[in-house]
Amino acid sequence: MTLGYVGAGNMARALAIGFGEPALFSDSGSGRAAALAELVGGEAVATNSELAKRADVVVLAHKPAQLATIAPELSGAEVVLSLLGGVTLEQVAAAIPGASVTRAMPNTAVAVRKGVTCVCGAEELDALLEAVGRVVRLPERLIDAATAVSGVAPAYVALIAEAWVDAAVGQGIPAAQAAELVSASLSGAAALLEERGMDTLGVRREVTSPGGMTARGLRVLERAGLRSAFSDAAAAVVGSAK
């Protein structure tokens, strides 16, 4: 199966690296298509029309506002995977008549095949996307909300990890060891939560002794507004997608 990426930005790059297969790439003149083709194999094509003719699956990874301009160049595309934030299945189908359309919102962890991809629309690409992580089907009305959960996850976790490492360094732990402690702790805690069926309360209770160190730390995080910060961030992400 040959994939053709219209746009060669960060998400196209993450997916192409995760799939690890030669593909076709186009861009608007940035040179990213050629660089990506060199990285994963394949070819940077001269036009979107050529890409649409040669690709089995056309991946829309350009800026959402460019759909009206780019779509006429993709005439004849039969299978389309849209990564366009805020653009509905109906809008893509109207722009590229006759195409089978899947809308997907992956996160950049697909690059290491540990991604989460929220999908709606045609189901024929689910197996393909499962090669780079977990696929979660949702009604289209929830796709923007899901983006505020999984789509942002790599950035949120990176910020949390950075703050955690800084806190450890502030307590005298060398930076390299602090980073190792935080990285391994995040990975282990995520695996434990998954093993326990996301029983967050149960996992917390196993660690938290009444009046102990963990309890004191959790109280500080709650007082600092951790829960409300996540709620406000989710509302901001969903609002920006509309």
Protein backbone atom coordinates (compact mmCIF):
# COMPACT_ATOMS: atom_id res chain seq x y z
CA MET A 1 0.00 0.00 0.00
CA THR A 2 1.51 3.31 -1.08
CA LEU A 3 0.74 6.36 1.05
CA GLY A 4 0.92 9.85 -0.37
CA TYR A 5 1.29 12.72 2.08
CA VAL A 6 0.01 16.13 1.02
CA GLY A 7 2.03 18.24 3.41
CA ALA A 8 5.22 17.21 5.17
CA GLY A 9 4.96 18.86 8.58
CA ASN A 10 5.35 17.39 12.04
CA MET A 11 2.39 15.00 11.97
CA ALA A 12 3.17 13.70 8.50
CA ARG A 13 6.75 13.17 9.64
CA ALA A 14 5.69 11.30 12.78
CA LEU A 15 3.35 8.99 10.86
CA ALA A 16 5.84 8.33 8.07
CA ILE A 17 8.58 7.45 10.57
CA GLY A 18 6.19 5.21 12.51
CA PHE A 19 5.04 3.31 9.42
CA GLY A 20 8.65 3.01 8.29
CA GLU A 21 7.71 2.45 4.65
CA PRO A 22 8.64 4.39 1.50
CA ALA A 23 5.94 6.89 0.57
CA LEU A 24 5.14 9.81 -1.69
CA PHE A 25 5.36 13.36 -0.36
CA SER A 26 4.44 16.83 -1.55
CA ASP A 27 4.74 20.28 0.00
CA SER A 28 4.17 23.91 -0.91
CA GLY A 29 7.83 24.56 -1.66
CA SER A 30 9.33 24.26 1.82
CA GLY A 31 11.64 21.39 0.90
CA ARG A 32 10.28 19.24 3.71
CA ALA A 33 8.86 16.68 1.31
CA ALA A 34 12.29 15.93 -0.14
CA ALA A 35 13.84 15.76 3.33
CA LEU A 36 11.15 13.36 4.53
CA ALA A 37 11.51 11.17 1.45
CA GLU A 38 15.23 10.98 2.09
CA LEU A 39 14.61 10.07 5.74
CA VAL A 40 12.07 7.25 5.30
CA GLY A 41 12.42 6.37 1.66
CA GLY A 42 10.16 7.16 -1.24
CA GLU A 43 9.88 10.24 -3.37
CA ALA A 44 8.98 13.91 -3.28
CA VAL A 45 6.60 14.42 -6.20
CA ALA A 46 6.24 17.60 -8.22
CA THR A 47 2.47 18.02 -7.97
CA ASN A 48 -0.45 16.93 -5.82
CA SER A 49 -2.17 15.64 -8.94
CA GLU A 50 0.67 13.20 -9.55
CA LEU A 51 0.57 12.14 -5.90
CA ALA A 52 -3.18 11.46 -6.09
CA LYS A 53 -2.74 9.30 -9.18
CA ARG A 54 0.08 7.19 -7.73
CA ALA A 55 -0.93 6.79 -4.06
CA ASP A 56 -3.30 4.13 -2.76
CA VAL A 57 -4.09 6.35 0.23
CA VAL A 58 -3.90 10.15 0.13
CA VAL A 59 -3.06 11.61 3.55
CA LEU A 60 -4.21 15.20 4.03
CA ALA A 61 -1.55 16.69 6.29
CA HIS A 62 -1.56 20.26 5.04
CA LYS A 63 -3.03 23.30 6.81
CA PRO A 64 -6.83 23.00 7.18
CA ALA A 65 -7.45 26.36 5.49
CA GLN A 66 -5.77 25.05 2.33
CA LEU A 67 -8.38 22.35 1.62
CA ALA A 68 -10.39 24.36 -0.89
CA THR A 69 -7.25 25.17 -2.86
CA ILE A 70 -5.66 21.71 -2.73
CA ALA A 71 -8.74 19.48 -3.14
CA PRO A 72 -9.23 20.08 -6.90
CA GLU A 73 -5.67 18.80 -7.41
CA LEU A 74 -6.62 15.50 -5.78
CA SER A 75 -9.41 14.61 -8.18
CA GLY A 76 -9.67 10.85 -8.59
CA ALA A 77 -8.28 9.98 -5.14
CA GLU A 78 -10.16 6.90 -3.94
CA VAL A 79 -9.08 6.60 -0.28
CA VAL A 80 -8.38 9.68 1.85
CA LEU A 81 -7.03 9.92 5.39
CA SER A 82 -7.69 13.41 6.72
CA LEU A 83 -5.57 14.79 9.55
CA LEU A 84 -7.10 18.24 9.22
CA GLY A 85 -8.09 19.68 12.57
CA GLY A 86 -11.55 21.20 12.67
CA VAL A 87 -12.48 19.94 9.18
CA THR A 88 -15.41 17.51 9.13
CA LEU A 89 -15.86 14.32 7.15
CA GLU A 90 -18.66 15.99 5.24
CA GLN A 91 -16.42 18.87 4.23
CA VAL A 92 -13.63 16.59 3.00
CA ALA A 93 -16.06 14.33 1.13
CA ALA A 94 -17.61 17.37 -0.57
CA ALA A 95 -14.17 18.69 -1.53
CA ILE A 96 -12.97 15.34 -2.94
CA PRO A 97 -16.10 13.68 -4.42
CA GLY A 98 -16.12 9.91 -4.64
CA ALA A 99 -13.38 9.33 -2.09
CA SER A 100 -13.75 7.06 0.93
CA VAL A 101 -12.77 9.35 3.82
CA THR A 102 -11.40 8.54 7.27
CA ARG A 103 -10.82 11.38 9.69
CA ALA A 104 -8.01 10.79 12.18
CA MET A 105 -6.42 12.74 15.01
CA PRO A 106 -3.14 10.98 15.93
CA ASN A 107 -0.51 12.21 18.35
CA THR A 108 3.20 12.37 17.60
CA ALA A 109 3.94 9.23 19.63
CA VAL A 110 2.99 7.35 16.44
CA ALA A 111 6.64 7.95 15.50
CA VAL A 112 7.65 5.30 18.07
CA ARG A 113 4.52 3.18 17.43
CA LYS A 114 3.06 4.13 20.81
CA GLY A 115 0.59 6.68 19.53
CA VAL A 116 -3.10 7.15 20.11
CA THR A 117 -5.24 7.88 17.06
CA CYS A 118 -8.88 8.90 17.38
CA VAL A 119 -10.82 8.09 14.22
CA CYS A 120 -14.24 8.38 12.62
CA GLY A 121 -15.61 7.73 9.17
CA ALA A 122 -14.58 4.83 6.94
CA GLU A 123 -13.07 1.87 8.78
CA GLU A 124 -10.79 0.51 6.06
CA LEU A 125 -7.69 2.25 7.45
CA ASP A 126 -8.06 1.14 11.06
CA ALA A 127 -5.66 -1.79 10.64
CA LEU A 128 -3.09 0.49 9.03
CA LEU A 129 -3.25 2.96 11.93
CA GLU A 130 -3.04 0.17 14.50
CA ALA A 131 0.52 -0.45 13.28
CA VAL A 132 1.60 2.80 14.97
CA GLY A 133 -0.36 2.57 18.23
CA ARG A 134 -3.86 2.38 19.62
CA VAL A 135 -6.91 3.30 17.55
CA VAL A 136 -9.99 4.65 19.33
CA ARG A 137 -13.21 5.11 17.35
CA LEU A 138 -15.42 8.00 18.42
CA PRO A 139 -18.42 9.89 17.04
CA GLU A 140 -17.18 12.84 15.01
CA ARG A 141 -18.75 15.30 17.45
CA LEU A 142 -16.17 14.13 20.06
CA ILE A 143 -13.06 14.26 17.87
CA ASP A 144 -12.10 17.79 18.93
CA ALA A 145 -12.55 16.88 22.60
CA ALA A 146 -10.41 13.77 22.07
CA THR A 147 -7.69 15.96 20.58
CA ALA A 148 -7.68 17.86 23.87
CA VAL A 149 -6.88 14.55 25.60
CA SER A 150 -4.60 12.45 23.42
CA GLY A 151 -3.50 14.83 20.69
CA VAL A 152 -1.85 17.17 23.18
CA ALA A 153 -0.47 14.37 25.36
CA PRO A 154 3.17 14.39 24.21
CA ALA A 155 3.42 18.15 24.85
CA TYR A 156 1.65 17.97 28.21
CA VAL A 157 3.74 15.05 29.44
CA ALA A 158 6.92 16.76 28.23
CA LEU A 159 5.99 19.87 30.24
CA ILE A 160 5.17 17.82 33.34
CA ALA A 161 8.42 15.88 33.00
CA GLU A 162 10.39 19.10 32.61
CA ALA A 163 8.85 20.60 35.75
CA TRP A 164 9.40 17.35 37.66
CA VAL A 165 13.07 17.18 36.66
CA ASP A 166 13.55 20.82 37.66
CA ALA A 167 11.99 20.08 41.06
CA ALA A 168 14.32 17.11 41.54
CA VAL A 169 17.35 19.20 40.59
CA GLY A 170 16.18 21.82 43.08
CA GLN A 171 16.45 19.15 45.78
CA GLY A 172 20.05 18.42 44.83
CA ILE A 173 19.75 15.47 42.42
CA PRO A 174 22.07 15.84 39.38
CA ALA A 175 20.17 16.63 36.18
CA ALA A 176 21.05 13.39 34.38
CA GLN A 177 19.90 11.24 37.28
CA ALA A 178 16.80 13.39 37.79
CA ALA A 179 15.85 12.87 34.13
CA GLU A 180 16.39 9.12 34.45
CA LEU A 181 14.25 8.94 37.58
CA VAL A 182 11.41 10.93 36.02
CA SER A 183 11.47 9.07 32.70
CA ALA A 184 11.44 5.63 34.29
CA SER A 185 8.82 6.68 36.84
CA LEU A 186 6.46 8.01 34.17
CA SER A 187 6.81 4.86 32.09
CA GLY A 188 6.31 2.56 35.08
CA ALA A 189 3.35 4.50 36.46
CA ALA A 190 1.62 4.47 33.05
CA ALA A 191 2.13 0.71 32.75
CA LEU A 192 0.78 0.18 36.27
CA LEU A 193 -2.33 2.25 35.57
CA GLU A 194 -3.01 0.32 32.38
CA GLU A 195 -2.52 -3.00 34.15
CA ARG A 196 -5.00 -1.89 36.83
CA GLY A 197 -7.62 -0.79 34.30
CA MET A 198 -7.02 2.92 34.99
CA ASP A 199 -8.00 2.52 38.65
CA THR A 200 -6.41 5.85 39.53
CA LEU A 201 -7.79 5.94 43.05
CA GLY A 202 -6.55 2.42 43.80
CA VAL A 203 -3.05 3.17 42.52
CA ARG A 204 -2.89 6.37 44.57
CA ARG A 205 -4.04 4.60 47.72
CA GLU A 206 -1.30 1.99 47.35
CA VAL A 207 1.32 4.74 47.44
CA THR A 208 -0.28 7.17 49.87
CA SER A 209 0.04 6.50 53.59
CA PRO A 210 -2.13 8.70 55.84
CA GLY A 211 -0.11 11.77 56.76
CA GLY A 212 2.88 10.49 54.81
CA MET A 213 5.18 12.12 52.25
CA THR A 214 3.03 11.30 49.23
CA ALA A 215 -0.09 12.66 50.96
CA ARG A 216 1.67 15.93 51.64
CA GLY A 217 2.82 16.20 48.03
CA LEU A 218 -0.65 15.44 46.67
CA ARG A 219 -2.19 18.12 48.90
CA VAL A 220 0.20 20.69 47.45
CA LEU A 221 -0.66 19.70 43.88
CA GLU A 222 -4.40 19.87 44.61
CA ARG A 223 -4.04 23.30 46.27
CA ALA A 224 -2.06 24.50 43.26
CA GLY A 225 -5.09 23.76 41.08
CA LEU A 226 -3.83 20.79 39.08
CA ARG A 227 -7.33 19.52 38.26
CA SER A 228 -8.69 22.91 37.26
CA ALA A 229 -5.60 23.58 35.15
CA PHE A 230 -6.26 20.44 33.09
CA SER A 231 -9.94 21.31 32.80
CA ASP A 232 -9.16 24.84 31.63
CA ALA A 233 -6.56 23.57 29.17
CA ALA A 234 -9.04 21.11 27.65
CA ALA A 235 -11.62 23.86 27.24
CA ALA A 236 -9.03 26.08 25.56
CA VAL A 237 -7.99 23.36 23.09
CA VAL A 238 -11.57 22.46 22.17
CA GLY A 239 -12.49 26.11 21.82
CA SER A 240 -9.59 26.78 19.46
CA ALA A 241 -10.67 23.91 17.19
CA LYS A 242 -14.11 25.41 16.52
